[in-house]
All heavy atoms as atom14 arrays in JSON, in Angstrom:
{
  "sequence": "VAVDYNGFVVPNKFVIGYGMDYEQRYRNLP",
  "atom14_mask": [
    [1, 1, 1, 1, 1, 1, 1, 0, 0, 0, 0, 0, 0, 0],
    [1, 1, 1, 1, 1, 0, 0, 0, 0, 0, 0, 0, 0, 0],
    [1, 1, 1, 1, 1, 1, 1, 0, 0, 0, 0, 0, 0, 0],
    [1, 1, 1, 1, 1, 1, 1, 1, 0, 0, 0, 0, 0, 0],
    [1, 1, 1, 1, 1, 1, 1, 1, 1, 1, 1, 1, 0, 0],
    [1, 1, 1, 1, 1, 1, 1, 1, 0, 0, 0, 0, 0, 0],
    [1, 1, 1, 1, 0, 0, 0, 0, 0, 0, 0, 0, 0, 0],
    [1, 1, 1, 1, 1, 1, 1, 1, 1, 1, 1, 0, 0, 0],
    [1, 1, 1, 1, 1, 1, 1, 0, 0, 0, 0, 0, 0, 0],
    [1, 1, 1, 1, 1, 1, 1, 0, 0, 0, 0, 0, 0, 0],
    [1, 1, 1, 1, 1, 1, 1, 0, 0, 0, 0, 0, 0, 0],
    [1, 1, 1, 1, 1, 1, 1, 1, 0, 0, 0, 0, 0, 0],
    [1, 1, 1, 1, 1, 1, 1, 1, 1, 0, 0, 0, 0, 0],
    [1, 1, 1, 1, 1, 1, 1, 1, 1, 1, 1, 0, 0, 0],
    [1, 1, 1, 1, 1, 1, 1, 0, 0, 0, 0, 0, 0, 0],
    [1, 1, 1, 1, 1, 1, 1, 1, 0, 0, 0, 0, 0, 0],
    [1, 1, 1, 1, 0, 0, 0, 0, 0, 0, 0, 0, 0, 0],
    [1, 1, 1, 1, 1, 1, 1, 1, 1, 1, 1, 1, 0, 0],
    [1, 1, 1, 1, 0, 0, 0, 0, 0, 0, 0, 0, 0, 0],
    [1, 1, 1, 1, 1, 1, 1, 1, 0, 0, 0, 0, 0, 0],
    [1, 1, 1, 1, 1, 1, 1, 1, 0, 0, 0, 0, 0, 0],
    [1, 1, 1, 1, 1, 1, 1, 1, 1, 1, 1, 1, 0, 0],
    [1, 1, 1, 1, 1, 1, 1, 1, 1, 0, 0, 0, 0, 0],
    [1, 1, 1, 1, 1, 1, 1, 1, 1, 0, 0, 0, 0, 0],
    [1, 1, 1, 1, 1, 1, 1, 1, 1, 1, 1, 0, 0, 0],
    [1, 1, 1, 1, 1, 1, 1, 1, 1, 1, 1, 1, 0, 0],
    [1, 1, 1, 1, 1, 1, 1, 1, 1, 1, 1, 0, 0, 0],
    [1, 1, 1, 1, 1, 1, 1, 1, 0, 0, 0, 0, 0, 0],
    [1, 1, 1, 1, 1, 1, 1, 1, 0, 0, 0, 0, 0, 0],
    [1, 1, 1, 1, 1, 1, 1, 0, 0, 0, 0, 0, 0, 0]
  ],
  "atom14_positions": [
    [[52.78, -9.13, 83.67], [51.98, -8.68, 82.46], [51.71, -9.98, 81.65], [52.58, -10.82, 81.52], [52.69, -7.65, 81.61], [52.69, -6.23, 82.45], [54.06, -8.14, 81.24], [0.0, 0.0, 0.0], [0.0, 0.0, 0.0], [0.0, 0.0, 0.0], [0.0, 0.0, 0.0], [0.0, 0.0, 0.0], [0.0, 0.0, 0.0], [0.0, 0.0, 0.0]],
    [[50.61, -10.12, 81.11], [50.21, -11.22, 80.18], [50.75, -11.06, 78.79], [50.28, -10.02, 78.11], [48.71, -11.53, 80.25], [0.0, 0.0, 0.0], [0.0, 0.0, 0.0], [0.0, 0.0, 0.0], [0.0, 0.0, 0.0], [0.0, 0.0, 0.0], [0.0, 0.0, 0.0], [0.0, 0.0, 0.0], [0.0, 0.0, 0.0], [0.0, 0.0, 0.0]],
    [[51.61, -11.83, 78.34], [52.07, -11.79, 76.94], [51.37, -12.69, 76.07], [51.27, -13.95, 76.33], [53.55, -12.1, 76.88], [54.17, -11.92, 75.47], [54.38, -11.08, 77.84], [0.0, 0.0, 0.0], [0.0, 0.0, 0.0], [0.0, 0.0, 0.0], [0.0, 0.0, 0.0], [0.0, 0.0, 0.0], [0.0, 0.0, 0.0], [0.0, 0.0, 0.0]],
    [[50.74, -12.15, 74.99], [49.91, -12.96, 74.16], [50.72, -13.68, 73.05], [50.46, -14.79, 72.53], [48.74, -12.23, 73.58], [47.85, -11.69, 74.71], [47.09, -12.39, 75.31], [47.91, -10.45, 75.04], [0.0, 0.0, 0.0], [0.0, 0.0, 0.0], [0.0, 0.0, 0.0], [0.0, 0.0, 0.0], [0.0, 0.0, 0.0], [0.0, 0.0, 0.0]],
    [[51.64, -12.9, 72.48], [52.53, -13.35, 71.38], [54.01, -12.96, 71.89], [54.22, -11.84, 72.01], [52.14, -12.61, 70.09], [50.72, -12.69, 69.71], [49.77, -11.69, 69.97], [50.22, -14.01, 69.21], [48.43, -11.85, 69.66], [48.92, -14.04, 68.77], [48.0, -13.01, 69.0], [46.66, -13.09, 68.73], [0.0, 0.0, 0.0], [0.0, 0.0, 0.0]],
    [[54.82, -14.05, 71.89], [56.17, -13.78, 72.44], [57.12, -14.42, 71.39], [57.01, -15.57, 70.9], [56.28, -14.64, 73.75], [57.5, -14.3, 74.54], [58.41, -13.64, 74.0], [57.53, -14.65, 75.69], [0.0, 0.0, 0.0], [0.0, 0.0, 0.0], [0.0, 0.0, 0.0], [0.0, 0.0, 0.0], [0.0, 0.0, 0.0], [0.0, 0.0, 0.0]],
    [[58.07, -13.61, 71.04], [59.08, -14.01, 70.14], [60.16, -15.02, 70.79], [60.2, -16.16, 70.45], [0.0, 0.0, 0.0], [0.0, 0.0, 0.0], [0.0, 0.0, 0.0], [0.0, 0.0, 0.0], [0.0, 0.0, 0.0], [0.0, 0.0, 0.0], [0.0, 0.0, 0.0], [0.0, 0.0, 0.0], [0.0, 0.0, 0.0], [0.0, 0.0, 0.0]],
    [[60.92, -14.48, 71.71], [61.95, -15.2, 72.39], [61.97, -14.88, 73.82], [61.85, -13.86, 74.28], [63.37, -14.9, 71.77], [63.45, -15.14, 70.27], [63.18, -14.15, 69.45], [63.77, -16.38, 69.85], [63.37, -14.37, 68.0], [63.97, -16.74, 68.5], [63.74, -15.72, 67.58], [0.0, 0.0, 0.0], [0.0, 0.0, 0.0], [0.0, 0.0, 0.0]],
    [[62.19, -15.95, 74.8], [62.56, -15.69, 76.14], [64.02, -15.65, 76.23], [64.69, -16.53, 75.66], [61.89, -16.84, 77.06], [62.46, -16.74, 78.43], [60.38, -16.82, 77.04], [0.0, 0.0, 0.0], [0.0, 0.0, 0.0], [0.0, 0.0, 0.0], [0.0, 0.0, 0.0], [0.0, 0.0, 0.0], [0.0, 0.0, 0.0], [0.0, 0.0, 0.0]],
    [[64.56, -14.54, 76.73], [65.99, -14.42, 76.83], [66.46, -14.32, 78.32], [65.68, -13.98, 79.19], [66.43, -13.17, 76.0], [66.19, -13.38, 74.56], [65.89, -11.92, 76.54], [0.0, 0.0, 0.0], [0.0, 0.0, 0.0], [0.0, 0.0, 0.0], [0.0, 0.0, 0.0], [0.0, 0.0, 0.0], [0.0, 0.0, 0.0], [0.0, 0.0, 0.0]],
    [[67.71, -14.72, 78.57], [68.3, -14.53, 79.76], [68.4, -13.04, 80.28], [68.33, -12.22, 79.36], [69.61, -15.24, 79.75], [69.94, -15.25, 78.36], [68.7, -15.21, 77.59], [0.0, 0.0, 0.0], [0.0, 0.0, 0.0], [0.0, 0.0, 0.0], [0.0, 0.0, 0.0], [0.0, 0.0, 0.0], [0.0, 0.0, 0.0], [0.0, 0.0, 0.0]],
    [[68.74, -12.86, 81.44], [68.94, -11.41, 81.94], [70.25, -10.92, 81.58], [71.13, -10.74, 82.31], [68.79, -11.41, 83.43], [68.84, -10.1, 84.02], [68.56, -9.1, 83.3], [68.96, -9.88, 85.31], [0.0, 0.0, 0.0], [0.0, 0.0, 0.0], [0.0, 0.0, 0.0], [0.0, 0.0, 0.0], [0.0, 0.0, 0.0], [0.0, 0.0, 0.0]],
    [[70.36, -10.59, 80.26], [71.55, -9.95, 79.77], [71.09, -8.72, 78.97], [69.98, -8.64, 78.53], [72.32, -10.91, 78.83], [72.92, -12.08, 79.35], [73.76, -12.91, 78.46], [74.37, -14.11, 79.12], [75.26, -14.83, 78.24], [0.0, 0.0, 0.0], [0.0, 0.0, 0.0], [0.0, 0.0, 0.0], [0.0, 0.0, 0.0], [0.0, 0.0, 0.0]],
    [[72.04, -7.76, 78.9], [71.71, -6.45, 78.12], [71.81, -6.74, 76.68], [72.96, -7.05, 76.23], [72.76, -5.4, 78.67], [72.26, -4.06, 78.14], [71.26, -3.29, 78.83], [72.72, -3.57, 77.08], [70.96, -2.04, 78.35], [72.37, -2.26, 76.53], [71.44, -1.5, 77.16], [0.0, 0.0, 0.0], [0.0, 0.0, 0.0], [0.0, 0.0, 0.0]],
    [[70.71, -6.7, 76.03], [70.68, -7.04, 74.59], [70.53, -5.9, 73.76], [69.98, -4.73, 74.17], [69.56, -7.99, 74.29], [69.71, -9.36, 75.0], [68.24, -7.43, 74.65], [0.0, 0.0, 0.0], [0.0, 0.0, 0.0], [0.0, 0.0, 0.0], [0.0, 0.0, 0.0], [0.0, 0.0, 0.0], [0.0, 0.0, 0.0], [0.0, 0.0, 0.0]],
    [[71.14, -5.99, 72.49], [71.06, -4.77, 71.54], [70.65, -5.35, 70.14], [70.66, -6.53, 70.02], [72.42, -4.07, 71.45], [73.42, -5.05, 70.99], [72.73, -3.27, 72.68], [74.88, -4.41, 70.6], [0.0, 0.0, 0.0], [0.0, 0.0, 0.0], [0.0, 0.0, 0.0], [0.0, 0.0, 0.0], [0.0, 0.0, 0.0], [0.0, 0.0, 0.0]],
    [[70.35, -4.45, 69.34], [69.87, -4.8, 67.96], [68.51, -4.94, 67.79], [67.64, -5.02, 68.74], [0.0, 0.0, 0.0], [0.0, 0.0, 0.0], [0.0, 0.0, 0.0], [0.0, 0.0, 0.0], [0.0, 0.0, 0.0], [0.0, 0.0, 0.0], [0.0, 0.0, 0.0], [0.0, 0.0, 0.0], [0.0, 0.0, 0.0], [0.0, 0.0, 0.0]],
    [[67.98, -4.94, 66.48], [66.6, -4.91, 66.13], [65.66, -3.99, 67.05], [64.65, -4.31, 67.45], [66.03, -6.43, 66.28], [65.38, -6.9, 65.17], [65.81, -7.6, 64.11], [63.92, -6.52, 64.99], [65.16, -7.91, 63.02], [63.2, -7.03, 63.9], [63.91, -7.49, 62.88], [63.22, -7.84, 61.76], [0.0, 0.0, 0.0], [0.0, 0.0, 0.0]],
    [[66.26, -2.76, 67.13], [65.6, -1.76, 67.8], [66.04, -1.37, 69.15], [65.81, -0.33, 69.7], [0.0, 0.0, 0.0], [0.0, 0.0, 0.0], [0.0, 0.0, 0.0], [0.0, 0.0, 0.0], [0.0, 0.0, 0.0], [0.0, 0.0, 0.0], [0.0, 0.0, 0.0], [0.0, 0.0, 0.0], [0.0, 0.0, 0.0], [0.0, 0.0, 0.0]],
    [[66.64, -2.43, 69.78], [67.28, -2.23, 71.15], [68.63, -1.46, 71.14], [69.39, -1.97, 70.19], [67.3, -3.51, 71.93], [65.78, -3.95, 72.24], [65.65, -5.66, 72.61], [65.71, -6.39, 70.88], [0.0, 0.0, 0.0], [0.0, 0.0, 0.0], [0.0, 0.0, 0.0], [0.0, 0.0, 0.0], [0.0, 0.0, 0.0], [0.0, 0.0, 0.0]],
    [[68.81, -0.64, 72.03], [70.04, 0.07, 72.0], [70.9, 0.17, 73.08], [70.47, -0.3, 74.21], [69.71, 1.58, 71.63], [69.18, 2.26, 72.82], [68.03, 1.81, 73.17], [69.68, 3.28, 73.43], [0.0, 0.0, 0.0], [0.0, 0.0, 0.0], [0.0, 0.0, 0.0], [0.0, 0.0, 0.0], [0.0, 0.0, 0.0], [0.0, 0.0, 0.0]],
    [[72.1, 0.57, 72.88], [73.13, 0.89, 73.92], [73.48, 2.38, 73.73], [74.17, 2.59, 72.8], [74.33, 0.1, 74.04], [75.35, 0.33, 74.94], [75.12, 0.4, 76.29], [76.65, 0.85, 74.45], [76.12, 0.8, 77.22], [77.6, 1.06, 75.46], [77.27, 1.18, 76.73], [78.38, 1.57, 77.69], [0.0, 0.0, 0.0], [0.0, 0.0, 0.0]],
    [[73.1, 3.4, 74.59], [73.4, 4.73, 74.42], [72.95, 5.21, 72.94], [73.75, 5.86, 72.29], [74.81, 5.08, 74.67], [75.17, 4.74, 76.12], [76.72, 4.97, 76.45], [77.44, 5.27, 75.54], [76.87, 5.02, 77.67], [0.0, 0.0, 0.0], [0.0, 0.0, 0.0], [0.0, 0.0, 0.0], [0.0, 0.0, 0.0], [0.0, 0.0, 0.0]],
    [[71.72, 4.73, 72.62], [71.11, 5.12, 71.23], [71.89, 4.58, 70.01], [71.62, 4.82, 68.86], [71.02, 6.64, 71.08], [70.12, 7.27, 72.12], [68.7, 6.74, 72.02], [68.28, 6.46, 71.0], [68.11, 6.7, 73.23], [0.0, 0.0, 0.0], [0.0, 0.0, 0.0], [0.0, 0.0, 0.0], [0.0, 0.0, 0.0], [0.0, 0.0, 0.0]],
    [[72.84, 3.67, 70.26], [73.51, 2.91, 69.24], [73.11, 1.57, 69.07], [72.6, 0.96, 69.96], [75.07, 2.96, 69.27], [75.57, 4.35, 69.29], [77.01, 4.44, 69.51], [77.31, 3.92, 70.82], [78.55, 3.4, 71.21], [79.49, 3.26, 70.26], [78.67, 2.86, 72.37], [0.0, 0.0, 0.0], [0.0, 0.0, 0.0], [0.0, 0.0, 0.0]],
    [[73.25, 0.93, 67.9], [73.14, -0.53, 67.59], [71.58, -0.95, 67.4], [71.3, -1.95, 67.09], [73.67, -1.33, 68.68], [75.15, -1.16, 69.0], [75.45, -0.68, 70.26], [76.1, -1.36, 68.06], [76.92, -0.47, 70.46], [77.39, -1.13, 68.38], [77.77, -0.69, 69.57], [79.07, -0.47, 69.81], [0.0, 0.0, 0.0], [0.0, 0.0, 0.0]],
    [[70.66, 0.04, 67.39], [69.26, -0.31, 67.08], [69.21, -0.97, 65.74], [68.3, -1.78, 65.47], [68.43, 1.0, 67.05], [68.23, 1.58, 68.41], [67.15, 2.73, 68.32], [67.13, 3.48, 69.43], [66.37, 3.24, 70.59], [65.76, 2.13, 70.68], [66.32, 4.13, 71.54], [0.0, 0.0, 0.0], [0.0, 0.0, 0.0], [0.0, 0.0, 0.0]],
    [[70.01, -0.5, 64.73], [69.89, -0.99, 63.32], [70.5, -2.35, 63.14], [70.46, -2.83, 61.96], [70.46, 0.01, 62.48], [72.03, 0.36, 62.71], [72.38, 0.34, 63.77], [72.72, 0.56, 61.63], [0.0, 0.0, 0.0], [0.0, 0.0, 0.0], [0.0, 0.0, 0.0], [0.0, 0.0, 0.0], [0.0, 0.0, 0.0], [0.0, 0.0, 0.0]],
    [[71.04, -3.06, 64.1], [71.56, -4.38, 63.89], [70.33, -5.23, 63.53], [69.29, -5.22, 64.15], [72.29, -4.94, 65.08], [73.53, -4.2, 65.57], [74.08, -4.85, 66.78], [74.65, -4.11, 64.45], [0.0, 0.0, 0.0], [0.0, 0.0, 0.0], [0.0, 0.0, 0.0], [0.0, 0.0, 0.0], [0.0, 0.0, 0.0], [0.0, 0.0, 0.0]],
    [[70.63, -6.14, 62.45], [69.57, -7.03, 62.06], [69.35, -8.31, 62.85], [68.54, -9.14, 62.48], [70.02, -7.36, 60.6], [71.37, -7.34, 60.59], [71.8, -6.17, 61.51], [0.0, 0.0, 0.0], [0.0, 0.0, 0.0], [0.0, 0.0, 0.0], [0.0, 0.0, 0.0], [0.0, 0.0, 0.0], [0.0, 0.0, 0.0], [0.0, 0.0, 0.0]]
  ]
}
């Protein structure tokens, strides 16, 4: 997929915060 605006390239790790969750938790981390 062509990404036009990209924040950060990250390694293949399970990330949380800023909307991303683990079992619906941690989305609200800033």
